[in-house]
Protein backbone atom coordinates (compact mmCIF):
# COMPACT_ATOMS: atom_id res chain seq x y z
CA UNK A 1 0.00 0.00 0.00
CA UNK A 2 2.82 2.43 0.85
CA UNK A 3 4.49 1.66 -2.47
CA UNK A 4 1.25 2.62 -4.22
CA UNK A 5 1.04 5.86 -2.26
CA UNK A 6 4.63 6.72 -3.14
CA UNK A 7 3.95 6.18 -6.85
CA UNK A 8 0.91 8.45 -6.66
CA UNK A 9 2.94 11.13 -4.91
CA UNK A 10 5.64 11.09 -7.59
CA UNK A 11 3.09 11.62 -10.36
CA UNK A 12 0.36 13.75 -8.86
CA UNK A 13 2.21 17.01 -8.26
CA UNK A 14 2.47 17.80 -11.96
CA UNK A 15 -1.10 16.65 -12.58
CA UNK A 16 -2.37 18.91 -9.83
CA UNK A 17 -0.48 21.82 -11.36
CA UNK A 18 -1.96 21.02 -14.77
CA UNK A 19 -5.38 21.31 -13.15
CA UNK A 20 -4.34 24.74 -11.86
CA UNK A 21 -5.21 23.93 -8.24
CA UNK A 22 -5.31 27.06 -6.10
CA UNK A 23 -5.13 26.65 -2.31
CA UNK A 24 -4.25 29.22 0.34
CA UNK A 25 -0.79 28.21 1.53
CA UNK A 26 0.76 27.57 4.90
CA UNK A 27 3.67 25.42 6.05
CA UNK A 28 2.54 22.08 7.50
CA UNK A 29 5.97 20.51 8.02
CA UNK A 30 9.66 21.43 8.04
CA UNK A 31 12.30 18.76 7.31
CA UNK A 32 15.81 20.16 7.52
CA UNK A 33 15.93 22.95 4.94
CA UNK A 34 12.85 21.60 3.11
CA UNK A 35 9.22 22.50 3.74
CA UNK A 36 5.87 20.91 2.91
CA UNK A 37 3.09 23.34 2.04
CA UNK A 38 -0.59 22.84 2.72
CA UNK A 39 -1.28 23.34 -0.99
CA UNK A 40 1.02 20.43 -1.86
CA UNK A 41 -0.55 18.12 0.73
CA UNK A 42 -4.08 19.03 -0.37
CA UNK A 43 -3.21 18.49 -4.04
CA UNK A 44 -1.73 15.07 -3.25
CA UNK A 45 -4.80 14.22 -1.16
CA UNK A 46 -7.23 15.22 -3.93
CA UNK A 47 -5.35 13.09 -6.45
CA UNK A 48 -5.00 10.10 -4.11
CA UNK A 49 -8.75 10.10 -3.47
CA UNK A 50 -9.29 9.67 -7.21
CA UNK A 51 -6.69 6.90 -7.49
CA UNK A 52 -7.56 4.87 -4.38
CA UNK A 53 -10.96 3.45 -3.50
CA UNK A 54 -10.05 2.75 0.14
CA UNK A 55 -7.27 3.04 2.69
CA UNK A 56 -7.05 1.60 6.22
CA UNK A 57 -6.32 4.64 8.35
CA UNK A 58 -6.13 8.39 7.78
CA UNK A 59 -5.15 8.84 4.14
CA UNK A 60 -4.10 12.47 4.50
CA UNK A 61 -1.86 11.63 7.48
CA UNK A 62 -0.20 8.80 5.54
CA UNK A 63 0.34 11.07 2.54
CA UNK A 64 2.02 13.61 4.82
CA UNK A 65 4.15 10.79 6.23
CA UNK A 66 5.27 9.84 2.70
CA UNK A 67 5.97 13.48 1.83
CA UNK A 68 8.19 13.79 4.91
CA UNK A 69 10.15 10.71 3.80
CA UNK A 70 10.56 12.24 0.35
CA UNK A 71 11.93 15.42 1.94
CA UNK A 72 14.35 13.25 3.89
CA UNK A 73 15.50 11.82 0.56
CA UNK A 74 16.06 15.37 -0.69
CA UNK A 75 18.01 16.23 2.46
CA UNK A 76 20.22 13.18 1.95
CA UNK A 77 20.57 14.06 -1.73
CA UNK A 78 21.91 17.49 -0.82
CA UNK A 79 24.35 16.04 1.71
CA UNK A 80 25.55 13.50 -0.87
CA UNK A 81 25.66 16.09 -3.71
CA UNK A 82 23.09 14.12 -5.74
CA UNK A 83 21.96 16.03 -8.82
CA UNK A 84 19.35 15.47 -11.50
CA UNK A 85 20.74 15.35 -15.03
CA UNK A 86 19.47 18.47 -16.81
CA UNK A 87 18.98 16.68 -20.13
CA UNK A 88 16.77 14.07 -18.46
CA UNK A 89 14.87 16.75 -16.55
CA UNK A 90 14.15 18.73 -19.72
CA UNK A 91 13.13 15.56 -21.56
CA UNK A 92 10.71 14.61 -18.77
CA UNK A 93 9.23 18.13 -18.66
CA UNK A 94 8.72 18.01 -22.44
CA UNK A 95 7.17 14.55 -22.18
CA UNK A 96 4.63 15.74 -19.63
CA UNK A 97 3.79 18.84 -21.65
CA UNK A 98 3.25 16.69 -24.75
CA UNK A 99 0.99 14.35 -22.78
CA UNK A 100 -1.12 17.16 -21.34
CA UNK A 101 -1.34 18.85 -24.75
CA UNK A 102 -2.41 15.62 -26.44
CA UNK A 103 -5.15 15.13 -23.84
CA UNK A 104 -6.57 18.62 -24.20
CA UNK A 105 -6.21 19.18 -27.95
CA UNK A 106 -2.88 20.93 -28.50
CA UNK A 107 -0.53 23.40 -26.86
CA UNK A 108 -2.72 26.41 -27.62
CA UNK A 109 -5.63 24.91 -25.70
CA UNK A 110 -3.29 23.86 -22.89
CA UNK A 111 -2.05 27.43 -22.54
CA UNK A 112 -5.63 28.67 -22.50
CA UNK A 113 -6.53 26.14 -19.81
CA UNK A 114 -3.50 26.91 -17.64
CA UNK A 115 -3.73 30.67 -18.09
CA UNK A 116 0.00 30.82 -18.86
CA UNK A 117 2.37 30.03 -21.70
CA UNK A 118 3.93 26.61 -22.10
CA UNK A 119 7.36 28.12 -21.38
CA UNK A 120 6.06 29.66 -18.14
CA UNK A 121 4.56 26.34 -17.11
CA UNK A 122 7.80 24.52 -17.95
CA UNK A 123 9.73 26.92 -15.70
CA UNK A 124 7.23 26.20 -12.92
CA UNK A 125 7.37 22.43 -13.45
CA UNK A 126 11.14 22.03 -13.82
CA UNK A 127 12.14 22.38 -10.11
CA UNK A 128 9.48 19.84 -9.13
CA UNK A 129 10.73 17.35 -11.72
CA UNK A 130 14.31 17.88 -10.50
CA UNK A 131 13.20 17.12 -6.94
CA UNK A 132 11.36 14.00 -8.05
CA UNK A 133 14.40 12.70 -9.92
CA UNK A 134 16.73 13.34 -6.97
CA UNK A 135 14.21 11.61 -4.68
CA UNK A 136 14.10 8.60 -7.00
CA UNK A 137 17.90 8.41 -7.21
CA UNK A 138 18.31 8.50 -3.44
CA UNK A 139 15.56 5.94 -2.88
CA UNK A 140 16.99 3.64 -5.55
CA UNK A 141 20.39 3.89 -3.91
CA UNK A 142 18.88 2.64 -0.65
CA UNK A 143 17.11 -0.37 -2.15
CA UNK A 144 19.17 -1.26 -5.23
CA UNK A 145 20.94 -4.14 -3.49
CA UNK A 146 17.82 -5.55 -1.83
CA UNK A 147 16.84 -8.90 -3.34
CA UNK A 148 14.12 -11.44 -2.58
CA UNK A 149 15.63 -14.92 -2.53
CA UNK A 150 13.54 -18.08 -3.00
CA UNK A 151 13.70 -18.55 0.78
CA UNK A 152 12.42 -14.98 1.31
CA UNK A 153 9.54 -15.67 -1.07
CA UNK A 154 8.57 -18.91 0.65
CA UNK A 155 8.70 -17.34 4.11
CA UNK A 156 6.70 -14.33 2.94
CA UNK A 157 4.04 -16.58 1.43
CA UNK A 158 3.97 -18.80 4.53
CA UNK A 159 3.25 -15.78 6.74
CA UNK A 160 0.20 -14.67 4.73
CA UNK A 161 -2.91 -15.74 6.68
CA UNK A 162 -4.91 -18.30 4.70
CA UNK A 163 -7.99 -16.10 4.80
CA UNK A 164 -5.95 -13.20 3.39
CA UNK A 165 -4.51 -14.94 0.34
CA UNK A 166 -5.18 -12.87 -2.78
CA UNK A 167 -7.47 -14.33 -5.43
CA UNK A 168 -6.27 -13.94 -9.00
CA UNK A 169 -8.52 -13.82 -12.05
CA UNK A 170 -7.93 -16.07 -15.06
CA UNK A 171 -4.52 -15.53 -16.63
CA UNK A 172 -2.98 -16.58 -19.93
CA UNK A 173 0.37 -16.76 -21.68
CA UNK A 174 -0.76 -15.29 -24.99
CA UNK A 175 1.27 -14.26 -28.05
CA UNK A 176 0.53 -12.39 -31.25
CA UNK A 177 2.55 -11.91 -34.44
CA UNK A 178 1.34 -9.08 -36.68
CA UNK A 179 2.60 -8.43 -40.20
CA UNK A 180 1.75 -5.91 -42.88
CA UNK A 181 2.05 -6.33 -46.64
CA UNK A 182 4.96 -4.78 -48.45
CA UNK A 183 4.31 -2.84 -51.66
CA UNK A 184 5.73 -4.14 -54.91
CA UNK A 185 8.71 -2.43 -56.50
CA UNK A 186 6.36 -1.12 -59.21
CA UNK A 187 4.06 0.49 -56.62
CA UNK A 188 7.05 2.10 -54.91
CA UNK A 189 8.37 3.39 -58.24
CA UNK A 190 4.98 4.94 -59.09
CA UNK A 191 4.68 6.61 -55.66
CA UNK A 192 8.20 8.02 -55.91
CA UNK A 193 7.51 9.41 -59.38
CA UNK A 194 4.26 10.99 -58.16
CA UNK A 195 5.78 12.78 -55.17
CA UNK A 196 8.81 13.88 -57.19
CA UNK A 197 6.47 15.43 -59.76
CA UNK A 198 4.50 17.19 -56.99
CA UNK A 199 7.72 18.58 -55.55
CA UNK A 200 8.72 19.98 -58.92
CA UNK A 201 5.29 21.55 -59.41
CA UNK A 202 5.53 23.28 -55.99
CA UNK A 203 9.09 24.50 -56.57
CA UNK A 204 8.13 25.84 -60.01
CA UNK A 205 5.20 27.73 -58.50
CA UNK A 206 2.41 25.80 -60.22
CA UNK A 207 0.97 24.61 -56.89
CA UNK A 208 1.16 25.95 -53.38
CA UNK A 209 2.26 23.39 -50.81
CA UNK A 210 -1.07 23.84 -49.03
CA UNK A 211 -3.10 23.08 -52.17
CA UNK A 212 -0.90 20.12 -53.17
CA UNK A 213 -1.28 18.59 -49.71
CA UNK A 214 -5.07 18.99 -49.64
CA UNK A 215 -5.36 17.50 -53.12
CA UNK A 216 -2.82 14.68 -52.98
CA UNK A 217 -1.55 13.71 -49.52
CA UNK A 218 -2.31 10.21 -48.24
CA UNK A 219 -2.19 11.44 -44.63
CA UNK A 220 -5.87 12.17 -43.87
CA UNK A 221 -5.08 13.62 -40.45
CA UNK A 222 -3.08 16.52 -41.90
CA UNK A 223 -4.17 16.88 -45.54
CA UNK A 224 -7.31 18.84 -44.57
CA UNK A 225 -5.00 21.42 -42.94
CA UNK A 226 -2.72 21.72 -45.93
CA UNK A 227 -0.38 19.09 -44.49
CA UNK A 228 0.36 21.03 -41.29
CA UNK A 229 1.59 18.79 -38.47
CA UNK A 230 1.77 21.33 -35.64
CA UNK A 231 4.80 21.80 -33.39
CA UNK A 232 6.79 18.67 -32.57
CA UNK A 233 10.01 18.01 -30.66
CA UNK A 234 12.79 15.51 -31.19
CA UNK A 235 11.69 11.94 -30.60
CA UNK A 236 8.10 12.45 -31.74
CA UNK A 237 8.54 11.56 -35.41
CA UNK A 238 10.18 8.66 -37.22
CA UNK A 239 13.93 9.22 -37.43
CA UNK A 240 14.27 9.90 -41.18
CA UNK A 241 11.50 12.50 -41.08
CA UNK A 242 12.79 14.11 -37.89
CA UNK A 243 16.36 14.48 -39.19
CA UNK A 244 15.13 16.30 -42.26
CA UNK A 245 12.79 18.55 -40.24
CA UNK A 246 15.52 19.83 -37.92
CA UNK A 247 17.97 20.46 -40.78
CA UNK A 248 15.57 22.13 -43.20
CA UNK A 249 15.55 25.93 -43.54
CA UNK A 250 12.29 27.76 -43.03
CA UNK A 251 9.98 27.84 -46.09
CA UNK A 252 12.26 25.64 -48.22
CA UNK A 253 11.06 22.34 -49.67
CA UNK A 254 12.82 19.16 -48.62
CA UNK A 255 14.12 16.44 -50.87
CA UNK A 256 11.94 13.33 -51.02
CA UNK A 257 12.10 11.46 -47.68
CA UNK A 258 11.39 7.73 -47.48
CA UNK A 259 9.99 6.32 -44.22
CA UNK A 260 8.11 3.19 -43.25
CA UNK A 261 4.90 5.03 -44.18
CA UNK A 262 5.90 5.93 -47.74
CA UNK A 263 7.41 8.99 -49.43
CA UNK A 264 7.23 12.53 -48.01
CA UNK A 265 8.13 16.05 -48.89
CA UNK A 266 8.18 18.70 -46.19
CA UNK A 267 8.15 22.45 -45.68
CA UNK A 268 9.13 24.01 -42.35
CA UNK A 269 6.68 26.71 -41.28
CA UNK A 270 8.25 27.89 -38.03
CA UNK A 271 10.70 27.06 -35.26
CA UNK A 272 10.10 27.67 -31.57
CA UNK A 273 13.10 26.73 -29.44
CA UNK A 274 13.64 22.99 -29.86
CA UNK A 275 10.35 22.50 -31.68
CA UNK A 276 9.45 22.65 -35.35
CA UNK A 277 6.13 23.25 -37.06
CA UNK A 278 6.06 21.76 -40.55
CA UNK A 279 3.67 20.68 -43.26
CA UNK A 280 4.18 17.55 -45.30
CA UNK A 281 2.76 15.54 -48.17
CA UNK A 282 2.71 11.76 -47.94
CA UNK A 283 2.35 9.45 -50.90
CA UNK A 284 1.96 5.80 -49.94
CA UNK A 285 2.90 3.05 -52.39
CA UNK A 286 -0.32 1.32 -53.31
CA UNK A 287 -1.05 -1.99 -51.62
CA UNK A 288 -3.12 -4.27 -53.86
CA UNK A 289 -5.09 -7.47 -53.04
CA UNK A 290 -2.29 -9.68 -54.34
CA UNK A 291 0.05 -8.17 -51.71
CA UNK A 292 -2.35 -9.29 -48.98
CA UNK A 293 -2.63 -12.78 -50.47
CA UNK A 294 1.15 -13.08 -50.59
CA UNK A 295 1.40 -11.94 -46.96
CA UNK A 296 -1.22 -14.46 -45.82
CA UNK A 297 0.64 -17.31 -47.52
CA UNK A 298 3.92 -16.17 -45.99
CA UNK A 299 2.36 -16.17 -42.52
CA UNK A 300 0.96 -19.68 -43.04
CA UNK A 301 4.46 -20.92 -43.91
CA UNK A 302 5.90 -19.25 -40.81
CA UNK A 303 3.24 -20.90 -38.63
CA UNK A 304 4.07 -24.31 -40.09
CA UNK A 305 7.77 -23.68 -39.46
CA UNK A 306 7.04 -22.86 -35.80
CA UNK A 307 4.82 -25.94 -35.34
CA UNK A 308 7.47 -28.23 -36.85
CA UNK A 309 10.28 -26.56 -34.86
CA UNK A 310 12.05 -25.31 -37.99
CA UNK A 311 11.75 -21.80 -36.52
CA UNK A 312 11.00 -20.56 -33.02
CA UNK A 313 8.12 -18.24 -32.22
CA UNK A 314 10.68 -15.93 -30.63
CA UNK A 315 12.65 -15.66 -33.89
CA UNK A 316 9.53 -15.06 -36.00
CA UNK A 317 8.13 -12.41 -33.64
CA UNK A 318 11.41 -10.55 -33.35
CA UNK A 319 12.19 -10.60 -37.08
CA UNK A 320 8.78 -10.22 -38.70
CA UNK A 321 6.19 -8.84 -36.27
CA UNK A 322 5.06 -5.23 -36.51
CA UNK A 323 3.55 -5.31 -33.01
CA UNK A 324 5.88 -3.05 -30.99
CA UNK A 325 4.35 -4.11 -27.66
CA UNK A 326 5.16 -7.81 -28.02
CA UNK A 327 7.79 -8.40 -30.72
CA UNK A 328 10.77 -8.04 -28.36
CA UNK A 329 9.21 -10.47 -25.88
CA UNK A 330 8.94 -13.42 -28.27
CA UNK A 331 5.45 -12.23 -29.27
CA UNK A 332 4.02 -12.56 -25.74
CA UNK A 333 2.15 -9.93 -23.79
CA UNK A 334 3.79 -8.99 -20.48
CA UNK A 335 2.24 -8.43 -17.06
CA UNK A 336 3.22 -4.83 -16.27
CA UNK A 337 3.19 -5.48 -12.51
CA UNK A 338 5.49 -8.51 -12.48
CA UNK A 339 7.26 -8.57 -15.85
CA UNK A 340 6.08 -12.14 -16.44
CA UNK A 341 4.31 -13.52 -19.51
CA UNK A 342 1.36 -14.60 -17.35
CA UNK A 343 -1.21 -11.87 -18.01
CA UNK A 344 -4.76 -11.45 -16.65
CA UNK A 345 -7.17 -12.00 -19.55
CA UNK A 346 -9.02 -8.82 -18.56
CA UNK A 347 -5.87 -6.75 -19.11
CA UNK A 348 -5.50 -7.75 -22.77
CA UNK A 349 -7.01 -5.45 -25.41
CA UNK A 350 -10.75 -6.31 -25.64
CA UNK A 351 -10.63 -8.04 -29.05
CA UNK A 352 -7.60 -10.11 -28.05
CA UNK A 353 -9.12 -10.95 -24.68
CA UNK A 354 -12.16 -12.34 -26.46
CA UNK A 355 -9.91 -14.29 -28.83
CA UNK A 356 -7.88 -15.81 -25.98
CA UNK A 357 -11.10 -17.00 -24.32
CA UNK A 358 -11.99 -19.08 -27.41
CA UNK A 359 -8.63 -20.88 -27.73
CA UNK A 360 -7.12 -23.99 -26.14
CA UNK A 361 -3.63 -24.16 -24.62
CA UNK A 362 -1.09 -25.02 -27.32
CA UNK A 363 -3.38 -23.75 -30.11
CA UNK A 364 -2.46 -21.38 -32.96
CA UNK A 365 -5.19 -19.25 -34.51
CA UNK A 366 -5.10 -17.24 -37.74
CA UNK A 367 -3.85 -15.65 -39.81
CA UNK A 368 -6.71 -13.13 -39.65
CA UNK A 369 -6.92 -9.67 -41.15
CA UNK A 370 -6.78 -6.67 -38.81
CA UNK A 371 -6.67 -2.88 -38.95
CA UNK A 372 -4.05 -1.01 -36.93
CA UNK A 373 -4.70 2.26 -35.07
CA UNK A 374 -3.09 4.22 -37.92
CA UNK A 375 -5.58 2.75 -40.42
CA UNK A 376 -3.13 0.36 -42.07
CA UNK A 377 -4.13 -3.28 -42.49
CA UNK A 378 -2.33 -6.57 -42.20
CA UNK A 379 -2.61 -10.14 -40.94
CA UNK A 380 -1.86 -11.59 -37.53
CA UNK A 381 -1.89 -14.96 -35.85
CA UNK A 382 -2.24 -15.86 -32.16
CA UNK A 383 -0.79 -18.51 -29.90
CA UNK A 384 -2.14 -19.55 -26.50
CA UNK A 385 0.67 -21.33 -24.67
CA UNK A 386 -0.96 -21.70 -21.27
CA UNK A 387 -3.94 -20.65 -19.21
CA UNK A 388 -4.30 -20.46 -15.45
CA UNK A 389 -7.90 -20.50 -14.17
CA UNK A 390 -9.05 -18.05 -11.50
CA UNK A 391 -7.53 -19.24 -8.21
CA UNK A 392 -6.21 -18.43 -4.77
CA UNK A 393 -2.56 -17.43 -4.82
CA UNK A 394 -0.06 -20.28 -4.75
CA UNK A 395 3.68 -20.51 -5.28
CA UNK A 396 3.44 -22.78 -8.32
CA UNK A 397 1.30 -20.48 -10.48
CA UNK A 398 2.09 -17.11 -8.94
CA UNK A 399 5.75 -17.21 -7.96
CA UNK A 400 6.70 -13.99 -9.78
CA UNK A 401 3.76 -12.05 -8.32
CA UNK A 402 4.55 -13.26 -4.81
CA UNK A 403 8.24 -12.53 -5.36
CA UNK A 404 7.32 -8.96 -6.32
CA UNK A 405 5.29 -8.56 -3.11
CA UNK A 406 8.08 -10.07 -1.02
CA UNK A 407 10.63 -7.75 -2.61
CA UNK A 408 8.44 -4.70 -1.98
CA UNK A 409 8.16 -5.70 1.68
CA UNK A 410 11.94 -6.10 2.02
CA UNK A 411 12.54 -2.77 0.28
CA UNK A 412 10.01 -1.03 2.52
CA UNK A 413 11.68 -2.54 5.61
CA UNK A 414 15.08 -1.31 4.38
CA UNK A 415 13.72 2.20 3.84
CA UNK A 416 12.09 2.25 7.28
CA UNK A 417 15.38 1.19 8.90
CA UNK A 418 17.16 3.99 7.08
CA UNK A 419 14.47 6.51 8.10
CA UNK A 420 14.76 5.53 11.79
CA UNK A 421 18.51 6.08 11.70
CA UNK A 422 18.75 9.11 9.42
CA UNK A 423 15.94 11.14 11.00
CA UNK A 424 17.84 11.45 14.29
CA UNK A 425 20.17 14.05 12.79
CA UNK A 426 17.50 16.09 10.99
CA UNK A 427 15.28 18.89 12.33
CA UNK A 428 11.65 17.87 11.77
CA UNK A 429 8.66 19.99 12.81
CA UNK A 430 5.04 19.11 12.00
CA UNK A 431 2.02 21.39 12.39
CA UNK A 432 0.11 20.67 15.60
CA UNK A 433 -3.05 20.08 13.55
CA UNK A 434 -1.63 16.63 12.75
CA UNK A 435 -0.50 15.75 16.28
CA UNK A 436 -3.13 13.03 16.63
CA UNK A 437 -2.11 11.18 13.45
CA UNK A 438 -0.90 7.69 14.36
CA UNK A 439 0.84 7.55 10.96
CA UNK A 440 3.13 10.41 12.11
CA UNK A 441 4.00 9.10 15.56
CA UNK A 442 7.58 8.22 14.60
CA UNK A 443 8.37 11.87 13.84
CA UNK A 444 7.47 13.20 17.31
CA UNK A 445 10.22 14.63 19.47
CA UNK A 446 12.55 15.46 16.57
CA UNK A 447 12.03 19.25 16.49
CA UNK A 448 15.12 20.19 18.38
């Protein structure tokens, strides 16, 4: 439970700021040279209430307890000269801004919502991100050598009361290999000739880029806006496209760029710091029915090779699959909580969950046609290696999950030992309003 609270604390500060929370401030705790403000505690509390359906005890008191521990981490970080790498801080700030902007409909709307510019909000967010990264580094340094041995796992499981054993829903070891048809060399040649001709027409002044994009681009998401992509930073576009965007001079027309999506030409509209706004035209090589038939036959041959042990599923997934989520894990979905290939059926995407429910262990299914989120189509096949019915936790089926819980307990114990020792040399003062909190009892008598 405390691990969950800590995760919420690390994430919720920036979310609360994005919601523009306004609370009259006062200091509720002092830890060394660090303070905790009422506004911070209330923001954490509001977020935690959304994230957690219940908590045994006073949630606000426990959140304050966790905040005090985080400030202890910061105090230790300062003593140890622990710093957050500026490149990583800036990248994390940019990532959060991009996420918020994507949720609200773009940076302009985000600025309107926040009542400040993105640059102003970045300046406000940066110190908080730095603190979070220092906190994480210090905490990781305390627990990095903590391991849960098989003996630890067995003892941890033995000590769980029988009536408190968790019950797990049905789980499966489920794999998918997705492939998309490749255009013929004739289709690629035609697409290249078409975009080259468009480029020449734009350069010679016969078309504006805007008109050519609206009339010809195969990117429906941008063609209606004359090909305009909006501002993007490094890491948001495929590498070939990104390299050209950051080298291209404003208003000039790029050479033809080939990516996995087809052929592009680009025009940079504006630059804002480390971001570029550009418009582009995409011409995709045409995929014809015979390309799909060829792909389906290729997949059938690969499935036969796997079944006869000529090839491994791992090799096929890694070399051929277009599914980024699974291809590097031998085609299998991964349980985010444990890192194992044993995944609750309910956590699979809905269509795949339904598919897994219809299959038998050891069965292959497909190839079947599918449409990806970007509108492209292909074929995919599935493999159900194993299923585990809903059950009470046991070491045979749930070792990795129990190991994770055992490790979390050992890490928490290590942190608590460190807190008990380290706090003795740190000035800690907590507002009297929280004097009755049992969760804060260990901090009493330290304000001297």
